[in-house]
């Protein structure tokens, strides 16, 4: 994890209360199989860009941004603005507003199109118990 900037630590008011959004993101950080999903996308996500323009954002950052768009209903422009406005979203994506270049709406849109083109944008996560089957004992099965 990146070192927090001075603006992130000392000058903003600290809150003891964790918000529902913060709790949700912490749970999703643990629940989502990030590395497995990245392995599926990596063959299509080019490491080196040719031509002028900004350097490509890291895959893990773009993937987290994509998931936040789905979870919170942000369009591409709204997601760009939310990354500038909301610290916990930057933290979840692994971005530091003082050190990192934040992706613009076109970068976010291109990532979404890449996932759609290769049929990688359809996965859905649901909260479910680990097992819903009732285990029968030996006595129950015999009679």
N, C-alpha and C. Protein backbone atom coordinates (compact mmCIF):
# COMPACT_ATOMS: atom_id res chain seq x y z
N UNK A 1 0.84 -1.19 0.00
CA UNK A 1 0.00 0.00 0.00
C UNK A 1 0.88 1.24 0.00
N UNK A 2 0.44 2.27 -0.68
CA UNK A 2 1.22 3.50 -0.80
C UNK A 2 1.21 4.29 0.49
N UNK A 3 2.27 5.06 0.67
CA UNK A 3 2.34 5.95 1.81
C UNK A 3 1.31 7.05 1.64
N UNK A 4 0.64 7.37 2.71
CA UNK A 4 -0.40 8.40 2.65
C UNK A 4 0.26 9.77 2.58
N UNK A 5 -0.37 10.68 1.87
CA UNK A 5 0.15 12.03 1.72
C UNK A 5 -0.19 12.86 2.95
N UNK A 6 0.45 14.00 3.06
CA UNK A 6 0.22 14.91 4.18
C UNK A 6 -1.25 15.34 4.24
N UNK A 7 -1.84 15.58 3.08
CA UNK A 7 -3.25 15.99 3.05
C UNK A 7 -4.17 14.88 3.52
N UNK A 8 -3.76 13.63 3.32
CA UNK A 8 -4.59 12.50 3.73
C UNK A 8 -4.53 12.26 5.23
N UNK A 9 -3.45 12.62 5.86
CA UNK A 9 -3.26 12.24 7.25
C UNK A 9 -3.47 13.36 8.26
N UNK A 10 -2.87 14.50 8.05
CA UNK A 10 -2.85 15.48 9.11
C UNK A 10 -3.83 16.62 9.04
N UNK A 11 -4.19 17.03 7.85
CA UNK A 11 -4.96 18.25 7.72
C UNK A 11 -6.45 18.04 7.52
N UNK A 12 -6.84 16.85 7.20
CA UNK A 12 -8.26 16.57 7.07
C UNK A 12 -8.78 16.11 8.42
N UNK A 13 -10.04 16.42 8.68
CA UNK A 13 -10.60 15.99 9.95
C UNK A 13 -10.68 14.47 9.97
N UNK A 14 -10.32 13.90 11.10
CA UNK A 14 -10.36 12.45 11.24
C UNK A 14 -11.71 12.06 11.80
N UNK A 15 -12.23 10.97 11.25
CA UNK A 15 -13.51 10.47 11.73
C UNK A 15 -13.29 9.13 12.39
N UNK A 16 -13.90 8.97 13.54
CA UNK A 16 -13.85 7.68 14.21
C UNK A 16 -14.88 6.73 13.63
N UNK A 17 -15.96 7.27 13.15
CA UNK A 17 -17.05 6.45 12.61
C UNK A 17 -16.69 5.98 11.19
N UNK A 18 -16.88 4.69 10.97
CA UNK A 18 -16.70 4.14 9.64
C UNK A 18 -18.04 4.19 8.92
N UNK A 19 -18.02 4.67 7.70
CA UNK A 19 -19.26 4.79 6.94
C UNK A 19 -19.65 3.44 6.33
N UNK A 20 -20.90 3.34 5.91
CA UNK A 20 -21.36 2.11 5.26
C UNK A 20 -20.57 1.84 3.99
N UNK A 21 -20.26 2.90 3.25
CA UNK A 21 -19.48 2.75 2.02
C UNK A 21 -18.09 2.20 2.33
N UNK A 22 -17.48 2.72 3.38
CA UNK A 22 -16.15 2.26 3.78
C UNK A 22 -16.19 0.79 4.21
N UNK A 23 -17.17 0.42 4.99
CA UNK A 23 -17.32 -0.96 5.43
C UNK A 23 -17.55 -1.88 4.23
N UNK A 24 -18.42 -1.46 3.31
CA UNK A 24 -18.70 -2.22 2.11
C UNK A 24 -17.42 -2.45 1.30
N UNK A 25 -16.64 -1.38 1.09
CA UNK A 25 -15.41 -1.52 0.31
C UNK A 25 -14.40 -2.43 0.99
N UNK A 26 -14.32 -2.37 2.30
CA UNK A 26 -13.43 -3.27 3.04
C UNK A 26 -13.85 -4.72 2.85
N UNK A 27 -15.16 -4.97 2.90
CA UNK A 27 -15.66 -6.33 2.71
C UNK A 27 -15.41 -6.81 1.28
N UNK A 28 -15.63 -5.95 0.31
CA UNK A 28 -15.41 -6.33 -1.10
C UNK A 28 -13.93 -6.55 -1.39
N UNK A 29 -13.08 -5.79 -0.73
CA UNK A 29 -11.64 -5.97 -0.93
C UNK A 29 -11.23 -7.39 -0.54
N UNK A 30 -11.87 -7.91 0.49
CA UNK A 30 -11.58 -9.27 0.94
C UNK A 30 -12.31 -10.33 0.12
N UNK A 31 -13.52 -10.02 -0.34
CA UNK A 31 -14.37 -11.03 -0.98
C UNK A 31 -14.06 -11.25 -2.46
N UNK A 32 -13.65 -10.22 -3.16
CA UNK A 32 -13.44 -10.33 -4.60
C UNK A 32 -12.09 -11.02 -4.87
N UNK A 33 -12.09 -12.01 -5.74
CA UNK A 33 -10.82 -12.70 -6.08
C UNK A 33 -10.04 -11.87 -7.12
N UNK A 34 -9.45 -10.78 -6.67
CA UNK A 34 -8.82 -9.80 -7.56
C UNK A 34 -7.80 -10.44 -8.50
N UNK A 35 -6.88 -11.23 -7.96
CA UNK A 35 -5.81 -11.80 -8.79
C UNK A 35 -6.36 -12.73 -9.87
N UNK A 36 -7.38 -13.52 -9.53
CA UNK A 36 -7.97 -14.42 -10.53
C UNK A 36 -8.62 -13.63 -11.66
N UNK A 37 -9.30 -12.56 -11.31
CA UNK A 37 -9.96 -11.73 -12.33
C UNK A 37 -8.91 -11.03 -13.19
N UNK A 38 -7.86 -10.52 -12.56
CA UNK A 38 -6.79 -9.87 -13.30
C UNK A 38 -6.15 -10.83 -14.30
N UNK A 39 -5.98 -12.10 -13.93
CA UNK A 39 -5.40 -13.08 -14.85
C UNK A 39 -6.25 -13.27 -16.09
N UNK A 40 -7.56 -13.16 -15.94
CA UNK A 40 -8.47 -13.29 -17.10
C UNK A 40 -8.36 -12.09 -18.04
N UNK A 41 -8.11 -10.93 -17.48
CA UNK A 41 -8.09 -9.69 -18.27
C UNK A 41 -6.71 -9.40 -18.85
N UNK A 42 -5.68 -9.80 -18.14
CA UNK A 42 -4.31 -9.44 -18.49
C UNK A 42 -3.93 -9.72 -19.95
N UNK A 43 -4.32 -10.85 -20.53
CA UNK A 43 -3.93 -11.07 -21.93
C UNK A 43 -4.45 -10.01 -22.90
N UNK A 44 -5.51 -9.32 -22.54
CA UNK A 44 -6.12 -8.32 -23.41
C UNK A 44 -5.70 -6.89 -23.04
N UNK A 45 -5.09 -6.75 -21.90
CA UNK A 45 -4.74 -5.42 -21.40
C UNK A 45 -3.26 -5.16 -21.71
N UNK A 46 -3.02 -4.40 -22.71
CA UNK A 46 -1.66 -4.19 -23.19
C UNK A 46 -0.84 -3.38 -22.19
N UNK A 47 0.36 -3.88 -21.93
CA UNK A 47 1.25 -3.19 -20.98
C UNK A 47 1.86 -1.94 -21.58
N UNK A 48 2.23 -2.01 -22.83
CA UNK A 48 2.91 -0.87 -23.45
C UNK A 48 1.97 -0.20 -24.46
N UNK A 49 1.85 1.08 -24.34
CA UNK A 49 1.04 1.84 -25.30
C UNK A 49 1.96 2.40 -26.36
N UNK A 50 1.47 2.47 -27.55
CA UNK A 50 2.23 3.10 -28.62
C UNK A 50 1.61 4.45 -28.92
N UNK A 51 2.46 5.37 -29.29
CA UNK A 51 1.97 6.68 -29.68
C UNK A 51 1.89 7.64 -28.52
N UNK A 52 1.40 8.83 -28.80
CA UNK A 52 1.32 9.86 -27.76
C UNK A 52 0.18 9.56 -26.78
N UNK A 53 0.21 10.27 -25.70
CA UNK A 53 -0.86 10.13 -24.72
C UNK A 53 -0.32 9.74 -23.37
N UNK A 54 -1.23 9.63 -22.46
CA UNK A 54 -0.87 9.29 -21.09
C UNK A 54 -0.43 7.83 -21.00
N UNK A 55 0.42 7.52 -20.02
CA UNK A 55 0.77 6.11 -19.82
C UNK A 55 -0.45 5.34 -19.34
N UNK A 56 -0.49 4.06 -19.65
CA UNK A 56 -1.62 3.23 -19.27
C UNK A 56 -1.68 3.06 -17.76
N UNK A 57 -2.91 3.12 -17.23
CA UNK A 57 -3.12 2.91 -15.80
C UNK A 57 -2.88 1.43 -15.46
N UNK A 58 -2.42 1.14 -14.26
CA UNK A 58 -2.26 -0.27 -13.86
C UNK A 58 -3.59 -1.01 -13.92
N UNK A 59 -3.52 -2.27 -14.31
CA UNK A 59 -4.72 -3.09 -14.45
C UNK A 59 -5.51 -3.17 -13.15
N UNK A 60 -4.82 -3.37 -12.02
CA UNK A 60 -5.54 -3.51 -10.75
C UNK A 60 -6.31 -2.25 -10.39
N UNK A 61 -5.79 -1.10 -10.73
CA UNK A 61 -6.47 0.17 -10.47
C UNK A 61 -7.74 0.26 -11.32
N UNK A 62 -7.61 -0.04 -12.60
CA UNK A 62 -8.77 0.06 -13.50
C UNK A 62 -9.83 -0.96 -13.13
N UNK A 63 -9.43 -2.13 -12.71
CA UNK A 63 -10.40 -3.16 -12.32
C UNK A 63 -11.20 -2.71 -11.10
N UNK A 64 -10.52 -2.15 -10.12
CA UNK A 64 -11.21 -1.67 -8.92
C UNK A 64 -12.16 -0.51 -9.26
N UNK A 65 -11.73 0.35 -10.15
CA UNK A 65 -12.60 1.45 -10.58
C UNK A 65 -13.83 0.90 -11.29
N UNK A 66 -13.63 -0.09 -12.14
CA UNK A 66 -14.76 -0.71 -12.85
C UNK A 66 -15.77 -1.30 -11.85
N UNK A 67 -15.28 -1.99 -10.86
CA UNK A 67 -16.18 -2.58 -9.86
C UNK A 67 -16.92 -1.49 -9.09
N UNK A 68 -16.23 -0.42 -8.72
CA UNK A 68 -16.92 0.66 -8.00
C UNK A 68 -18.01 1.28 -8.86
N UNK A 69 -17.78 1.39 -10.16
CA UNK A 69 -18.82 1.91 -11.05
C UNK A 69 -20.07 1.04 -10.97
N UNK A 70 -19.88 -0.26 -10.97
CA UNK A 70 -21.02 -1.17 -10.93
C UNK A 70 -21.72 -1.10 -9.56
N UNK A 71 -20.95 -1.09 -8.51
CA UNK A 71 -21.52 -1.10 -7.17
C UNK A 71 -22.29 0.17 -6.84
N UNK A 72 -21.74 1.32 -7.26
CA UNK A 72 -22.32 2.60 -6.86
C UNK A 72 -23.07 3.31 -7.98
N UNK A 73 -23.15 2.71 -9.17
CA UNK A 73 -23.93 3.27 -10.26
C UNK A 73 -23.34 4.52 -10.89
N UNK A 74 -22.02 4.64 -10.89
CA UNK A 74 -21.39 5.82 -11.51
C UNK A 74 -21.21 5.61 -13.00
N UNK A 75 -21.53 6.62 -13.79
CA UNK A 75 -21.14 6.64 -15.20
C UNK A 75 -19.67 7.00 -15.28
N UNK A 76 -19.13 7.05 -16.47
CA UNK A 76 -17.69 7.30 -16.62
C UNK A 76 -17.28 8.69 -16.11
N UNK A 77 -18.03 9.71 -16.49
CA UNK A 77 -17.70 11.06 -16.02
C UNK A 77 -17.90 11.18 -14.51
N UNK A 78 -18.97 10.60 -14.00
CA UNK A 78 -19.22 10.65 -12.55
C UNK A 78 -18.15 9.91 -11.78
N UNK A 79 -17.64 8.81 -12.35
CA UNK A 79 -16.59 8.05 -11.68
C UNK A 79 -15.30 8.87 -11.62
N UNK A 80 -14.98 9.53 -12.72
CA UNK A 80 -13.80 10.40 -12.72
C UNK A 80 -13.91 11.46 -11.63
N UNK A 81 -15.06 12.11 -11.57
CA UNK A 81 -15.25 13.16 -10.57
C UNK A 81 -15.23 12.60 -9.15
N UNK A 82 -15.83 11.42 -8.96
CA UNK A 82 -15.84 10.81 -7.63
C UNK A 82 -14.43 10.49 -7.17
N UNK A 83 -13.55 10.09 -8.08
CA UNK A 83 -12.16 9.81 -7.70
C UNK A 83 -11.46 11.07 -7.20
N UNK A 84 -11.82 12.21 -7.77
CA UNK A 84 -11.25 13.48 -7.30
C UNK A 84 -11.86 13.89 -5.96
N UNK A 85 -13.15 13.61 -5.78
CA UNK A 85 -13.88 14.12 -4.62
C UNK A 85 -13.83 13.23 -3.38
N UNK A 86 -13.76 11.92 -3.57
CA UNK A 86 -13.99 11.01 -2.45
C UNK A 86 -12.74 10.19 -2.14
N UNK A 87 -12.16 10.49 -1.00
CA UNK A 87 -10.91 9.86 -0.58
C UNK A 87 -11.00 8.33 -0.49
N UNK A 88 -12.08 7.80 0.08
CA UNK A 88 -12.14 6.35 0.26
C UNK A 88 -12.20 5.62 -1.08
N UNK A 89 -12.73 6.25 -2.12
CA UNK A 89 -12.72 5.63 -3.45
C UNK A 89 -11.30 5.60 -4.02
N UNK A 90 -10.55 6.68 -3.83
CA UNK A 90 -9.15 6.69 -4.26
C UNK A 90 -8.35 5.65 -3.49
N UNK A 91 -8.60 5.55 -2.19
CA UNK A 91 -7.89 4.56 -1.38
C UNK A 91 -8.17 3.15 -1.88
N UNK A 92 -9.43 2.85 -2.16
CA UNK A 92 -9.80 1.52 -2.62
C UNK A 92 -9.14 1.20 -3.97
N UNK A 93 -9.07 2.20 -4.84
CA UNK A 93 -8.45 2.01 -6.15
C UNK A 93 -6.92 1.96 -6.06
N UNK A 94 -6.37 2.39 -4.93
CA UNK A 94 -4.92 2.42 -4.78
C UNK A 94 -4.30 3.67 -5.39
N UNK A 95 -5.04 4.76 -5.38
CA UNK A 95 -4.58 6.01 -5.97
C UNK A 95 -4.33 7.06 -4.89
N UNK A 96 -3.35 7.91 -5.15
CA UNK A 96 -3.06 9.05 -4.28
C UNK A 96 -3.18 10.30 -5.14
N UNK A 97 -4.10 11.17 -4.83
CA UNK A 97 -4.36 12.35 -5.66
C UNK A 97 -3.15 13.27 -5.77
N UNK A 98 -2.24 13.22 -4.81
CA UNK A 98 -1.08 14.09 -4.84
C UNK A 98 0.07 13.49 -5.65
N UNK A 99 0.13 12.17 -5.75
CA UNK A 99 1.24 11.52 -6.43
C UNK A 99 0.86 10.89 -7.76
N UNK A 100 -0.36 10.41 -7.86
CA UNK A 100 -0.77 9.66 -9.04
C UNK A 100 -1.58 10.49 -10.00
N UNK A 101 -1.49 10.09 -11.24
CA UNK A 101 -2.38 10.62 -12.27
C UNK A 101 -3.69 9.87 -12.11
N UNK A 102 -4.80 10.58 -11.99
CA UNK A 102 -6.10 9.93 -11.87
C UNK A 102 -6.68 9.72 -13.26
N UNK A 103 -7.31 8.56 -13.50
CA UNK A 103 -7.84 8.30 -14.83
C UNK A 103 -9.01 9.22 -15.17
N UNK A 104 -9.06 9.65 -16.43
CA UNK A 104 -10.17 10.49 -16.87
C UNK A 104 -11.29 9.60 -17.39
N UNK A 105 -12.40 10.23 -17.75
CA UNK A 105 -13.58 9.46 -18.17
C UNK A 105 -13.31 8.64 -19.43
N UNK A 106 -12.45 9.13 -20.33
CA UNK A 106 -12.13 8.38 -21.55
C UNK A 106 -11.36 7.11 -21.22
N UNK A 107 -10.43 7.20 -20.29
CA UNK A 107 -9.67 6.03 -19.86
C UNK A 107 -10.60 5.00 -19.24
N UNK A 108 -11.52 5.45 -18.43
CA UNK A 108 -12.48 4.57 -17.77
C UNK A 108 -13.39 3.92 -18.82
N UNK A 109 -13.85 4.71 -19.79
CA UNK A 109 -14.69 4.19 -20.86
C UNK A 109 -13.96 3.15 -21.70
N UNK A 110 -12.71 3.41 -22.03
CA UNK A 110 -11.93 2.46 -22.83
C UNK A 110 -11.77 1.12 -22.10
N UNK A 111 -11.57 1.17 -20.80
CA UNK A 111 -11.44 -0.07 -20.04
C UNK A 111 -12.76 -0.85 -20.07
N UNK A 112 -13.85 -0.14 -19.91
CA UNK A 112 -15.16 -0.77 -19.96
C UNK A 112 -15.39 -1.43 -21.33
N UNK A 113 -15.02 -0.72 -22.40
CA UNK A 113 -15.17 -1.26 -23.75
C UNK A 113 -14.28 -2.49 -23.96
N UNK A 114 -13.08 -2.46 -23.40
CA UNK A 114 -12.19 -3.62 -23.49
C UNK A 114 -12.83 -4.85 -22.85
N UNK A 115 -13.41 -4.67 -21.68
CA UNK A 115 -14.07 -5.79 -21.00
C UNK A 115 -15.26 -6.30 -21.80
N UNK A 116 -16.05 -5.38 -22.34
CA UNK A 116 -17.21 -5.79 -23.15
C UNK A 116 -16.78 -6.52 -24.41
N UNK A 117 -15.76 -6.01 -25.08
CA UNK A 117 -15.28 -6.60 -26.34
C UNK A 117 -14.87 -8.06 -26.16
N UNK A 118 -14.28 -8.37 -25.03
CA UNK A 118 -13.78 -9.72 -24.76
C UNK A 118 -14.71 -10.51 -23.83
N UNK A 119 -15.93 -10.02 -23.66
CA UNK A 119 -16.95 -10.69 -22.85
C UNK A 119 -16.47 -10.96 -21.42
N UNK A 120 -15.85 -9.95 -20.83
CA UNK A 120 -15.31 -10.06 -19.48
C UNK A 120 -16.04 -9.19 -18.47
N UNK A 121 -17.10 -8.53 -18.88
CA UNK A 121 -17.78 -7.58 -18.00
C UNK A 121 -19.06 -8.14 -17.39
N UNK A 122 -19.30 -9.44 -17.50
CA UNK A 122 -20.60 -9.98 -17.11
C UNK A 122 -20.65 -10.67 -15.75
N UNK A 123 -19.53 -10.73 -15.06
CA UNK A 123 -19.52 -11.44 -13.78
C UNK A 123 -20.33 -10.69 -12.74
N UNK A 124 -21.01 -11.43 -11.88
CA UNK A 124 -21.81 -10.85 -10.82
C UNK A 124 -21.43 -11.51 -9.51
N UNK A 125 -21.22 -10.71 -8.47
CA UNK A 125 -20.93 -11.24 -7.15
C UNK A 125 -22.21 -11.18 -6.33
N UNK A 126 -22.51 -12.27 -5.64
CA UNK A 126 -23.67 -12.27 -4.76
C UNK A 126 -23.24 -12.74 -3.39
N UNK A 127 -23.91 -12.24 -2.40
CA UNK A 127 -23.66 -12.64 -1.03
C UNK A 127 -24.51 -13.88 -0.75
N UNK A 128 -23.85 -14.99 -0.43
CA UNK A 128 -24.59 -16.23 -0.18
C UNK A 128 -23.90 -17.00 0.93
N UNK A 129 -24.66 -17.80 1.66
CA UNK A 129 -24.03 -18.62 2.69
C UNK A 129 -23.09 -19.63 2.05
N UNK A 130 -22.13 -20.12 2.83
CA UNK A 130 -21.15 -21.04 2.27
C UNK A 130 -21.77 -22.34 1.81
N UNK A 131 -22.83 -22.80 2.45
CA UNK A 131 -23.52 -24.00 2.02
C UNK A 131 -24.98 -23.92 2.43
N UNK A 132 -25.85 -24.29 1.51
CA UNK A 132 -27.27 -24.29 1.84
C UNK A 132 -27.83 -25.70 1.94
N UNK A 133 -26.98 -26.69 1.67
CA UNK A 133 -27.43 -28.07 1.77
C UNK A 133 -27.47 -28.49 3.23
N UNK A 134 -28.49 -29.24 3.54
CA UNK A 134 -28.62 -29.76 4.89
C UNK A 134 -27.97 -31.15 4.89
N UNK A 135 -27.04 -31.36 5.77
CA UNK A 135 -26.38 -32.64 5.85
C UNK A 135 -27.24 -33.61 6.62
N UNK A 136 -27.50 -34.76 6.00
CA UNK A 136 -28.32 -35.78 6.67
C UNK A 136 -27.41 -36.69 7.49
N UNK A 137 -27.90 -37.03 8.64
CA UNK A 137 -27.15 -37.97 9.47
C UNK A 137 -27.44 -39.38 9.00
N UNK A 138 -26.66 -40.31 9.46
CA UNK A 138 -26.83 -41.72 9.06
C UNK A 138 -28.20 -42.25 9.48
N UNK A 139 -28.68 -41.87 10.64
CA UNK A 139 -29.98 -42.31 11.11
C UNK A 139 -31.12 -41.80 10.24
N UNK A 140 -31.00 -40.54 9.75
CA UNK A 140 -32.05 -39.98 8.91
C UNK A 140 -32.15 -40.71 7.58
N UNK A 141 -31.03 -41.11 7.02
CA UNK A 141 -31.06 -41.77 5.71
C UNK A 141 -31.52 -43.23 5.81
N UNK A 142 -31.34 -43.82 6.97
CA UNK A 142 -31.73 -45.22 7.13
C UNK A 142 -33.19 -45.37 7.56
N UNK A 143 -33.78 -44.36 7.99
CA UNK A 143 -35.13 -44.63 8.29
C UNK A 143 -35.91 -43.88 9.19
